[in-house]
């Protein structure tokens, strides 16, 4: 019998697509399953044979490419607001419209991961309360319980394509449907699959310069009339035009929508005129480095990252010692996504050149570019502002680096 091949535990599985029900469920179940490389000293590493060293280096590479999302004071505030809004709507016995929440912030701030983590916790709690079944299941409907639905607006999105993305999450058929039919089908899917929170990410990809601009606002209002809490995530939401018919309550911070006025071509010109539509707007911003409290928060974040590094030199103080905190802030602007990429690239170079230490001289050798974050759309303002940095010339290598080379089974046997 031929034995079943089992690869190293750190190899990634199939790509996870959170924009489908199956993908969302798999992400929720596996989001904390990755086991980082063990912490080894240089002496312990030297005792390994060539193949073992290579495997450990690849495990370290996977560890630095999979750094966990560290909670920040800003993200904790946003997560609490999202959880509170969703729970208020989910546990309400009233038939009234659920209030929505908008999470605003520049690119690479961790908005998506913060929202998804909070809602994954909500979903697990909600399912456990109902013994993992849909208590409102209707005869003849699909046995699919989705307390949370997550979708991303496509680039150059329209109300129609946004509705189609929502139905794609559930696996619903929408062929040949008009906008009115799509909205009605979305509402039916939300009810039948017991969805309590609908996340629409990258909402500012919806362009508001077209003649049918009003359709965008109508779509959002129509969704808010559904029995679901709408969680909208985007960059520059207050200036995107999505809130152009609303005003911000100076006391509560909520955006209050006035009754809709007829604007001619809007198919829902008088929709929801009896209720004020409310969104709570929360911002997820970068770290700052001006006050003692802000500096301390930055230090706590860096110290947390130190605990996830797998370099052979002692990493304690590697990011927090001397003037390194200020240097890292100047290189990243306090943006967590940029910091993650800087650390990730630096760790790889530290392994390749054998220094096994992050220093300013090493980090000065390269820059973080928008190309390091290809999933962020530049036209929608999703790419972060990266502080300019002129890379120092690389030192000429003495020979081809072989740190990740595999000598094959013969070489491993010989080394053993």
Protein backbone atom coordinates (compact mmCIF):
# COMPACT_ATOMS: atom_id res chain seq x y z
CA UNK A 1 0.00 0.00 0.00
CA UNK A 2 1.43 3.37 -1.04
CA UNK A 3 1.56 5.69 2.00
CA UNK A 4 -0.38 8.93 1.80
CA UNK A 5 1.93 11.92 1.37
CA UNK A 6 1.67 14.42 4.19
CA UNK A 7 3.54 17.70 3.69
CA UNK A 8 4.98 19.95 6.37
CA UNK A 9 2.41 21.33 8.78
CA UNK A 10 3.21 24.93 7.88
CA UNK A 11 2.22 24.56 4.22
CA UNK A 12 -0.91 26.63 3.45
CA UNK A 13 -4.06 24.83 2.40
CA UNK A 14 -6.44 25.89 -0.38
CA UNK A 15 -6.99 29.66 -0.60
CA UNK A 16 -9.69 30.94 1.72
CA UNK A 17 -12.37 33.10 0.11
CA UNK A 18 -14.44 34.77 2.80
CA UNK A 19 -16.89 36.09 0.21
CA UNK A 20 -18.64 32.69 0.04
CA UNK A 21 -20.48 30.91 2.83
CA UNK A 22 -18.18 27.91 2.63
CA UNK A 23 -15.06 30.11 2.62
CA UNK A 24 -16.28 32.22 5.53
CA UNK A 25 -17.00 29.10 7.61
CA UNK A 26 -13.57 27.65 6.85
CA UNK A 27 -11.85 30.92 7.75
CA UNK A 28 -13.71 31.11 11.06
CA UNK A 29 -12.69 27.54 11.89
CA UNK A 30 -9.03 27.84 10.87
CA UNK A 31 -8.13 31.47 11.51
CA UNK A 32 -6.08 30.58 14.63
CA UNK A 33 -4.94 27.12 13.51
CA UNK A 34 -1.49 28.07 12.21
CA UNK A 35 1.33 26.90 14.46
CA UNK A 36 4.40 29.18 14.25
CA UNK A 37 7.93 27.85 14.05
CA UNK A 38 9.50 26.90 17.38
CA UNK A 39 11.88 29.36 18.99
CA UNK A 40 15.46 28.15 18.54
CA UNK A 41 18.81 29.58 19.52
CA UNK A 42 21.68 29.73 17.06
CA UNK A 43 23.32 26.81 18.87
CA UNK A 44 20.17 24.66 18.67
CA UNK A 45 19.81 25.50 14.99
CA UNK A 46 23.45 24.53 14.29
CA UNK A 47 22.77 20.98 15.53
CA UNK A 48 20.30 20.32 12.72
CA UNK A 49 21.32 18.72 9.42
CA UNK A 50 21.07 20.64 6.16
CA UNK A 51 17.56 19.51 5.29
CA UNK A 52 16.25 20.16 8.79
CA UNK A 53 17.72 23.67 8.66
CA UNK A 54 16.00 24.33 5.37
CA UNK A 55 12.63 23.14 6.67
CA UNK A 56 13.00 25.26 9.79
CA UNK A 57 13.87 28.30 7.68
CA UNK A 58 10.80 27.75 5.53
CA UNK A 59 8.69 27.40 8.68
CA UNK A 60 10.13 30.70 9.90
CA UNK A 61 9.32 32.26 6.54
CA UNK A 62 5.70 31.09 6.88
CA UNK A 63 5.60 32.44 10.44
CA UNK A 64 6.76 35.91 9.41
CA UNK A 65 4.35 35.88 6.45
CA UNK A 66 1.47 34.99 8.77
CA UNK A 67 1.96 37.44 11.61
CA UNK A 68 -1.23 37.59 13.67
CA UNK A 69 -3.25 40.78 13.76
CA UNK A 70 -2.23 42.48 16.99
CA UNK A 71 -5.03 44.31 18.74
CA UNK A 72 -4.49 48.05 19.10
CA UNK A 73 -6.37 50.62 21.20
CA UNK A 74 -7.95 51.83 17.98
CA UNK A 75 -8.99 48.40 16.73
CA UNK A 76 -10.37 47.39 20.14
CA UNK A 77 -12.61 50.47 20.14
CA UNK A 78 -13.87 49.66 16.64
CA UNK A 79 -14.40 45.96 17.45
CA UNK A 80 -16.42 46.89 20.53
CA UNK A 81 -18.58 49.30 18.52
CA UNK A 82 -19.23 46.73 15.78
CA UNK A 83 -20.05 43.98 18.27
CA UNK A 84 -22.39 46.26 20.24
CA UNK A 85 -24.25 47.38 17.12
CA UNK A 86 -24.66 43.84 15.79
CA UNK A 87 -25.74 42.39 19.13
CA UNK A 88 -28.24 45.20 19.66
CA UNK A 89 -29.85 44.35 16.34
CA UNK A 90 -29.64 40.56 16.63
CA UNK A 91 -31.17 40.35 20.10
CA UNK A 92 -33.86 42.95 19.50
CA UNK A 93 -37.45 41.63 19.48
CA UNK A 94 -38.74 44.74 17.72
CA UNK A 95 -39.66 44.91 14.06
CA UNK A 96 -38.04 48.32 13.68
CA UNK A 97 -35.10 49.05 11.40
CA UNK A 98 -31.70 48.00 12.70
CA UNK A 99 -29.09 50.72 13.00
CA UNK A 100 -26.01 50.30 10.84
CA UNK A 101 -22.35 51.00 11.42
CA UNK A 102 -19.68 52.36 9.11
CA UNK A 103 -16.00 51.59 9.73
CA UNK A 104 -13.86 54.24 8.09
CA UNK A 105 -10.10 54.52 7.77
CA UNK A 106 -7.20 54.68 5.37
CA UNK A 107 -5.77 51.61 3.68
CA UNK A 108 -3.77 48.94 5.57
CA UNK A 109 -5.15 49.97 8.96
CA UNK A 110 -6.63 46.54 9.65
CA UNK A 111 -10.30 47.51 9.20
CA UNK A 112 -11.33 44.29 7.47
CA UNK A 113 -9.55 41.96 9.88
CA UNK A 114 -10.87 43.85 12.90
CA UNK A 115 -14.45 43.63 11.66
CA UNK A 116 -14.19 39.99 10.57
CA UNK A 117 -12.63 38.89 13.87
CA UNK A 118 -15.37 40.61 15.88
CA UNK A 119 -18.11 39.06 13.75
CA UNK A 120 -16.53 35.60 13.84
CA UNK A 121 -16.80 35.76 17.63
CA UNK A 122 -20.41 36.94 17.36
CA UNK A 123 -21.29 34.14 14.94
CA UNK A 124 -19.87 31.43 17.19
CA UNK A 125 -21.84 32.78 20.14
CA UNK A 126 -25.05 33.08 18.13
CA UNK A 127 -24.78 29.57 16.67
CA UNK A 128 -24.04 28.02 20.05
CA UNK A 129 -27.14 29.68 21.51
CA UNK A 130 -29.25 28.01 18.81
CA UNK A 131 -27.46 24.63 18.86
CA UNK A 132 -25.99 25.37 15.42
CA UNK A 133 -29.32 25.21 13.58
CA UNK A 134 -31.65 27.84 12.17
CA UNK A 135 -34.57 28.23 14.58
CA UNK A 136 -36.49 30.12 11.89
CA UNK A 137 -35.97 27.55 9.14
CA UNK A 138 -38.73 27.52 6.55
CA UNK A 139 -39.92 24.36 4.73
CA UNK A 140 -38.37 24.07 1.30
CA UNK A 141 -35.42 26.39 1.95
CA UNK A 142 -31.76 25.46 1.90
CA UNK A 143 -30.31 24.19 5.16
CA UNK A 144 -27.74 26.97 5.28
CA UNK A 145 -27.38 29.07 8.42
CA UNK A 146 -25.29 32.21 7.90
CA UNK A 147 -25.43 34.59 10.89
CA UNK A 148 -22.76 36.68 9.14
CA UNK A 149 -22.47 37.40 5.41
CA UNK A 150 -19.28 39.04 4.13
CA UNK A 151 -18.96 40.57 0.67
CA UNK A 152 -16.53 42.90 -1.05
CA UNK A 153 -17.59 45.45 -3.60
CA UNK A 154 -15.95 44.78 -6.95
CA UNK A 155 -13.71 47.43 -8.46
CA UNK A 156 -15.89 50.01 -10.24
CA UNK A 157 -18.92 48.55 -8.50
CA UNK A 158 -22.56 49.37 -9.18
CA UNK A 159 -25.68 48.65 -7.10
CA UNK A 160 -26.40 45.71 -9.40
CA UNK A 161 -22.95 44.13 -9.07
CA UNK A 162 -23.04 44.70 -5.30
CA UNK A 163 -26.33 42.80 -5.01
CA UNK A 164 -24.86 40.05 -7.16
CA UNK A 165 -21.89 39.74 -4.81
CA UNK A 166 -24.26 39.35 -1.85
CA UNK A 167 -26.15 36.57 -3.62
CA UNK A 168 -22.85 34.94 -4.59
CA UNK A 169 -22.09 34.57 -0.87
CA UNK A 170 -25.19 32.41 -0.43
CA UNK A 171 -24.80 30.62 -3.77
CA UNK A 172 -28.12 32.01 -5.01
CA UNK A 173 -29.03 32.22 -8.70
CA UNK A 174 -29.67 35.72 -10.08
CA UNK A 175 -29.42 35.27 -13.81
CA UNK A 176 -31.42 37.82 -15.79
CA UNK A 177 -32.59 39.81 -12.75
CA UNK A 178 -33.07 43.58 -12.74
CA UNK A 179 -32.00 45.73 -9.78
CA UNK A 180 -35.46 45.61 -8.18
CA UNK A 181 -35.49 41.81 -8.45
CA UNK A 182 -31.95 41.56 -7.09
CA UNK A 183 -32.79 43.65 -4.02
CA UNK A 184 -35.88 41.54 -3.35
CA UNK A 185 -33.88 38.32 -3.72
CA UNK A 186 -31.19 39.64 -1.36
CA UNK A 187 -33.85 40.36 1.26
CA UNK A 188 -35.28 36.86 0.91
CA UNK A 189 -31.83 35.27 1.22
CA UNK A 190 -31.03 37.27 4.35
CA UNK A 191 -34.25 36.12 6.02
CA UNK A 192 -34.10 32.48 4.93
CA UNK A 193 -30.46 32.04 5.94
CA UNK A 194 -30.96 33.81 9.30
CA UNK A 195 -28.31 36.47 8.61
CA UNK A 196 -27.92 38.99 11.41
CA UNK A 197 -24.93 40.98 10.13
CA UNK A 198 -24.20 41.88 6.51
CA UNK A 199 -20.70 43.22 5.86
CA UNK A 200 -20.09 45.21 2.70
CA UNK A 201 -16.36 45.82 2.44
CA UNK A 202 -14.63 48.32 0.12
CA UNK A 203 -17.90 50.26 -0.11
CA UNK A 204 -16.17 53.33 -1.53
CA UNK A 205 -15.53 51.43 -4.74
CA UNK A 206 -19.12 52.43 -5.48
CA UNK A 207 -18.69 55.49 -7.68
CA UNK A 208 -21.09 58.37 -7.17
CA UNK A 209 -20.39 60.43 -10.26
CA UNK A 210 -22.84 58.64 -12.54
CA UNK A 211 -26.35 59.74 -13.47
CA UNK A 212 -27.87 57.01 -11.31
CA UNK A 213 -26.03 58.12 -8.16
CA UNK A 214 -29.25 58.02 -6.17
CA UNK A 215 -29.47 54.24 -6.72
CA UNK A 216 -26.50 53.78 -4.41
CA UNK A 217 -28.15 55.62 -1.54
CA UNK A 218 -31.45 53.89 -2.25
CA UNK A 219 -29.73 50.50 -2.13
CA UNK A 220 -28.18 51.21 1.26
CA UNK A 221 -31.49 52.44 2.68
CA UNK A 222 -33.31 49.41 1.27
CA UNK A 223 -30.80 47.11 2.96
CA UNK A 224 -31.23 48.93 6.24
CA UNK A 225 -34.95 48.14 6.10
CA UNK A 226 -34.10 44.44 6.10
CA UNK A 227 -33.88 42.51 9.41
CA UNK A 228 -30.09 42.68 9.43
CA UNK A 229 -27.40 44.99 10.81
CA UNK A 230 -25.48 46.55 7.95
CA UNK A 231 -21.72 46.86 8.54
CA UNK A 232 -20.08 49.05 5.91
CA UNK A 233 -16.29 49.22 5.59
CA UNK A 234 -14.39 51.64 3.41
CA UNK A 235 -11.78 54.34 2.89
CA UNK A 236 -12.81 57.98 3.14
CA UNK A 237 -16.49 57.26 3.69
CA UNK A 238 -17.40 60.79 4.98
CA UNK A 239 -16.12 62.39 1.76
CA UNK A 240 -17.19 59.63 -0.65
CA UNK A 241 -20.71 60.93 -1.23
CA UNK A 242 -22.40 58.07 0.57
CA UNK A 243 -23.33 60.46 3.35
CA UNK A 244 -24.12 63.48 1.23
CA UNK A 245 -27.81 63.49 2.22
CA UNK A 246 -27.13 63.03 5.91
CA UNK A 247 -25.91 65.13 8.78
CA UNK A 248 -23.80 64.09 11.74
CA UNK A 249 -25.33 64.38 15.19
CA UNK A 250 -22.78 66.41 17.21
CA UNK A 251 -23.75 64.64 20.45
CA UNK A 252 -23.97 60.97 19.44
CA UNK A 253 -21.66 61.03 16.40
CA UNK A 254 -24.34 59.18 14.39
CA UNK A 255 -25.10 60.09 10.80
CA UNK A 256 -28.82 60.90 10.56
CA UNK A 257 -30.54 60.61 7.20
CA UNK A 258 -33.42 62.87 6.32
CA UNK A 259 -36.44 61.62 4.35
CA UNK A 260 -35.58 60.99 0.72
CA UNK A 261 -36.63 63.57 -1.83
CA UNK A 262 -37.77 62.58 -5.28
CA UNK A 263 -34.89 62.98 -7.70
CA UNK A 264 -36.54 61.89 -10.88
CA UNK A 265 -34.85 58.71 -12.01
CA UNK A 266 -34.53 57.04 -8.63
CA UNK A 267 -36.70 53.89 -8.58
CA UNK A 268 -37.16 54.28 -4.82
CA UNK A 269 -37.56 58.02 -4.60
CA UNK A 270 -39.84 58.00 -1.57
CA UNK A 271 -38.51 54.89 0.16
CA UNK A 272 -38.25 54.93 3.94
CA UNK A 273 -39.61 58.44 4.28
CA UNK A 274 -41.21 57.60 7.65
CA UNK A 275 -37.98 56.78 9.47
CA UNK A 276 -34.66 58.41 10.04
CA UNK A 277 -31.87 56.12 8.88
CA UNK A 278 -28.97 56.02 11.28
CA UNK A 279 -25.40 54.90 10.88
CA UNK A 280 -22.79 55.01 13.58
CA UNK A 281 -19.49 56.06 12.01
CA UNK A 282 -16.28 54.87 13.67
CA UNK A 283 -12.75 55.54 12.50
CA UNK A 284 -9.83 53.14 12.61
CA UNK A 285 -6.71 55.25 12.36
CA UNK A 286 -2.97 54.73 12.66
CA UNK A 287 -0.79 54.98 15.73
CA UNK A 288 0.45 58.40 16.75
CA UNK A 289 3.76 59.25 18.38
CA UNK A 290 3.30 62.63 20.05
CA UNK A 291 2.22 62.08 23.64
CA UNK A 292 3.60 59.76 26.30
CA UNK A 293 0.44 57.65 26.13
CA UNK A 294 0.68 57.30 22.36
CA UNK A 295 4.35 56.33 22.55
CA UNK A 296 3.55 53.74 25.20
CA UNK A 297 0.82 52.21 23.00
CA UNK A 298 3.27 52.00 20.09
CA UNK A 299 5.81 50.29 22.33
CA UNK A 300 3.23 47.74 23.48
CA UNK A 301 2.42 46.94 19.86
CA UNK A 302 6.08 46.51 18.93
CA UNK A 303 6.70 44.33 21.96
CA UNK A 304 3.84 42.12 20.87
CA UNK A 305 5.39 41.75 17.42
CA UNK A 306 8.74 40.84 18.98
CA UNK A 307 7.10 37.80 20.53
CA UNK A 308 6.19 36.49 17.06
CA UNK A 309 9.64 36.87 15.48
CA UNK A 310 11.59 33.68 14.86
CA UNK A 311 15.14 34.94 14.39
CA UNK A 312 18.00 33.00 15.99
CA UNK A 313 19.22 35.97 17.99
CA UNK A 314 17.23 36.97 21.06
CA UNK A 315 14.40 39.16 19.75
CA UNK A 316 13.70 40.80 23.12
CA UNK A 317 14.23 44.52 22.57
CA UNK A 318 14.92 44.07 18.83
CA UNK A 319 12.02 46.39 17.94
CA UNK A 320 11.73 48.32 21.20
CA UNK A 321 15.32 49.07 22.14
CA UNK A 322 17.13 52.39 21.66
CA UNK A 323 15.68 54.60 18.96
CA UNK A 324 14.21 51.69 16.98
CA UNK A 325 10.58 52.55 17.96
CA UNK A 326 10.92 56.07 16.58
CA UNK A 327 12.68 54.76 13.47
CA UNK A 328 9.91 52.23 12.79
CA UNK A 329 7.25 54.88 13.29
CA UNK A 330 8.98 57.21 10.83
CA UNK A 331 9.25 54.39 8.28
CA UNK A 332 5.61 53.35 8.57
CA UNK A 333 3.66 56.40 9.73
CA UNK A 334 2.15 54.22 12.43
CA UNK A 335 0.20 52.18 9.86
CA UNK A 336 0.02 48.58 11.07
CA UNK A 337 -0.14 47.08 7.56
CA UNK A 338 2.99 48.90 6.43
CA UNK A 339 4.78 47.90 9.64
CA UNK A 340 3.88 44.26 9.06
CA UNK A 341 5.34 44.30 5.54
CA UNK A 342 8.50 46.06 6.73
CA UNK A 343 9.05 43.47 9.46
CA UNK A 344 8.24 40.59 7.13
CA UNK A 345 10.75 41.69 4.48
CA UNK A 346 13.35 42.50 7.12
CA UNK A 347 13.10 39.04 8.71
CA UNK A 348 13.61 37.34 5.38
CA UNK A 349 16.73 39.38 4.69
CA UNK A 350 18.05 38.76 8.19
CA UNK A 351 17.73 35.01 7.59
CA UNK A 352 19.25 35.16 4.12
CA UNK A 353 22.32 37.19 5.10
CA UNK A 354 22.84 35.23 8.30
CA UNK A 355 22.66 38.26 10.59
CA UNK A 356 19.47 36.96 12.26
CA UNK A 357 18.73 40.43 13.60
CA UNK A 358 16.59 43.39 12.55
CA UNK A 359 18.63 46.58 12.53
CA UNK A 360 18.21 50.00 10.99
CA UNK A 361 21.06 49.27 8.57
CA UNK A 362 19.26 46.16 7.33
CA UNK A 363 15.83 47.81 7.11
CA UNK A 364 17.35 50.77 5.26
CA UNK A 365 18.25 48.46 2.38
CA UNK A 366 14.70 48.31 1.01
CA UNK A 367 11.40 50.16 0.87
CA UNK A 368 7.79 49.06 1.29
CA UNK A 369 5.81 49.84 -1.86
CA UNK A 370 2.12 49.68 -2.87
CA UNK A 371 3.07 46.56 -4.83
CA UNK A 372 3.44 44.78 -1.49
CA UNK A 373 -0.34 45.19 -1.00
CA UNK A 374 -1.80 44.22 -4.39
CA UNK A 375 -5.32 43.62 -3.04
CA UNK A 376 -5.77 47.34 -2.31
CA UNK A 377 -7.26 49.37 -5.16
CA UNK A 378 -5.35 52.59 -5.81
CA UNK A 379 -8.22 54.32 -7.64
CA UNK A 380 -10.47 53.90 -4.60
CA UNK A 381 -7.86 55.38 -2.25
CA UNK A 382 -7.29 52.07 -0.48
CA UNK A 383 -3.50 52.08 -0.68
CA UNK A 384 -1.89 53.71 2.36
CA UNK A 385 0.43 56.68 2.34
CA UNK A 386 3.89 55.19 2.82
CA UNK A 387 6.58 57.59 4.10
CA UNK A 388 9.22 58.07 1.41
CA UNK A 389 12.48 56.22 1.93
CA UNK A 390 15.56 55.97 -0.26
CA UNK A 391 17.00 52.50 -0.03
CA UNK A 392 20.72 52.19 0.66
CA UNK A 393 22.81 50.18 -1.80
CA UNK A 394 22.86 46.48 -1.15
CA UNK A 395 26.09 44.86 -0.19
CA UNK A 396 27.47 42.60 -2.89
CA UNK A 397 26.91 38.98 -1.91
CA UNK A 398 30.00 36.80 -1.83
CA UNK A 399 28.11 33.98 -3.50
CA UNK A 400 24.63 32.74 -4.23
CA UNK A 401 22.60 32.41 -1.08
CA UNK A 402 21.71 28.78 -0.36
CA UNK A 403 19.78 29.17 2.89
CA UNK A 404 16.55 27.84 1.38
CA UNK A 405 18.16 25.24 -0.92
CA UNK A 406 17.22 21.59 -0.65
CA UNK A 407 20.06 19.18 -1.11
CA UNK A 408 17.64 16.28 -1.58
CA UNK A 409 17.31 12.99 0.29
CA UNK A 410 20.86 11.92 -0.55
CA UNK A 411 22.33 15.06 0.97
CA UNK A 412 20.13 14.68 4.04
CA UNK A 413 21.27 11.07 4.52
CA UNK A 414 24.90 12.06 4.12
CA UNK A 415 24.53 14.92 6.61
CA UNK A 416 22.86 12.55 9.06
